[in-house]
């Protein structure tokens, strides 16, 4: 995935933030049931995040390729390019 983020790594980061917000900041004592729900919610959100990042960055890659093609055309016509 983008930047080498794995599903497990994304889930861990999301789970940590959810635990902070839901338990630490809110002062709620986590039960095993609540921790399980946070785990599965963070897995769901991680999957959505990974898919979304792939879509966003694939479009950015397409734009970079197009700009490279433009630079090649300009250079073949002895035109300078600057970004």
Protein backbone atom coordinates (compact mmCIF):
# COMPACT_ATOMS: atom_id res chain seq x y z
CA UNK A 1 0.00 0.00 0.00
CA UNK A 2 0.94 3.66 -0.09
CA UNK A 3 4.01 4.52 1.99
CA UNK A 4 4.30 0.88 3.06
CA UNK A 5 1.40 1.09 5.51
CA UNK A 6 0.02 -2.35 6.22
CA UNK A 7 -3.52 -3.18 7.17
CA UNK A 8 -2.33 -4.31 10.61
CA UNK A 9 -0.28 -1.13 11.09
CA UNK A 10 -3.20 1.09 10.06
CA UNK A 11 -5.53 -0.86 12.35
CA UNK A 12 -3.13 -0.43 15.26
CA UNK A 13 -2.86 3.32 14.74
CA UNK A 14 -6.61 3.76 14.38
CA UNK A 15 -7.29 1.52 17.38
CA UNK A 16 -4.85 3.53 19.52
CA UNK A 17 -6.57 6.81 18.61
CA UNK A 18 -10.02 5.34 19.27
CA UNK A 19 -8.87 4.01 22.64
CA UNK A 20 -7.50 7.47 23.50
CA UNK A 21 -10.69 9.26 22.54
CA UNK A 22 -13.20 6.75 23.86
CA UNK A 23 -11.51 5.67 27.07
CA UNK A 24 -8.65 7.89 28.16
CA UNK A 25 -10.08 11.30 27.29
CA UNK A 26 -13.67 10.35 28.11
CA UNK A 27 -12.66 8.65 31.35
CA UNK A 28 -14.50 5.45 30.47
CA UNK A 29 -13.18 2.18 31.85
CA UNK A 30 -12.84 -0.30 28.97
CA UNK A 31 -14.49 -3.68 29.31
CA UNK A 32 -13.44 -6.69 27.22
CA UNK A 33 -16.63 -6.24 25.17
CA UNK A 34 -15.88 -2.56 24.47
CA UNK A 35 -12.26 -3.35 23.60
CA UNK A 36 -13.46 -6.00 21.14
CA UNK A 37 -15.85 -3.54 19.53
CA UNK A 38 -13.05 -0.96 19.20
CA UNK A 39 -10.80 -3.62 17.65
CA UNK A 40 -13.36 -4.57 15.00
CA UNK A 41 -14.31 -0.95 14.33
CA UNK A 42 -10.64 -0.08 13.85
CA UNK A 43 -10.21 -3.02 11.45
CA UNK A 44 -13.17 -1.82 9.40
CA UNK A 45 -11.84 1.75 9.35
CA UNK A 46 -8.33 0.56 8.46
CA UNK A 47 -9.67 -1.33 5.44
CA UNK A 48 -11.55 1.76 4.27
CA UNK A 49 -8.46 3.91 4.83
CA UNK A 50 -6.15 1.61 2.85
CA UNK A 51 -8.58 1.43 -0.08
CA UNK A 52 -9.11 5.21 -0.03
CA UNK A 53 -5.39 5.96 0.04
CA UNK A 54 -4.86 3.66 -2.91
CA UNK A 55 -7.50 5.52 -4.91
CA UNK A 56 -6.17 8.96 -4.03
CA UNK A 57 -2.55 8.13 -4.73
CA UNK A 58 -3.23 6.18 -7.92
CA UNK A 59 -4.78 9.34 -9.37
CA UNK A 60 -1.79 11.38 -8.19
CA UNK A 61 0.51 8.86 -9.91
CA UNK A 62 -1.47 9.24 -13.15
CA UNK A 63 -1.03 13.01 -12.96
CA UNK A 64 2.71 12.66 -12.35
CA UNK A 65 3.00 10.36 -15.38
CA UNK A 66 1.10 12.85 -17.53
CA UNK A 67 3.37 15.68 -16.41
CA UNK A 68 6.38 13.52 -17.31
CA UNK A 69 4.95 12.95 -20.78
CA UNK A 70 4.48 16.72 -21.17
CA UNK A 71 8.11 17.28 -20.15
CA UNK A 72 9.27 14.71 -22.73
CA UNK A 73 7.32 16.41 -25.50
CA UNK A 74 8.68 19.82 -24.51
CA UNK A 75 12.26 18.53 -24.38
CA UNK A 76 11.95 16.97 -27.84
CA UNK A 77 11.11 20.46 -29.09
CA UNK A 78 14.04 22.03 -27.22
CA UNK A 79 11.75 23.78 -24.77
CA UNK A 80 12.84 24.20 -21.18
CA UNK A 81 10.64 22.85 -18.41
CA UNK A 82 10.44 24.04 -14.85
CA UNK A 83 8.14 22.91 -12.07
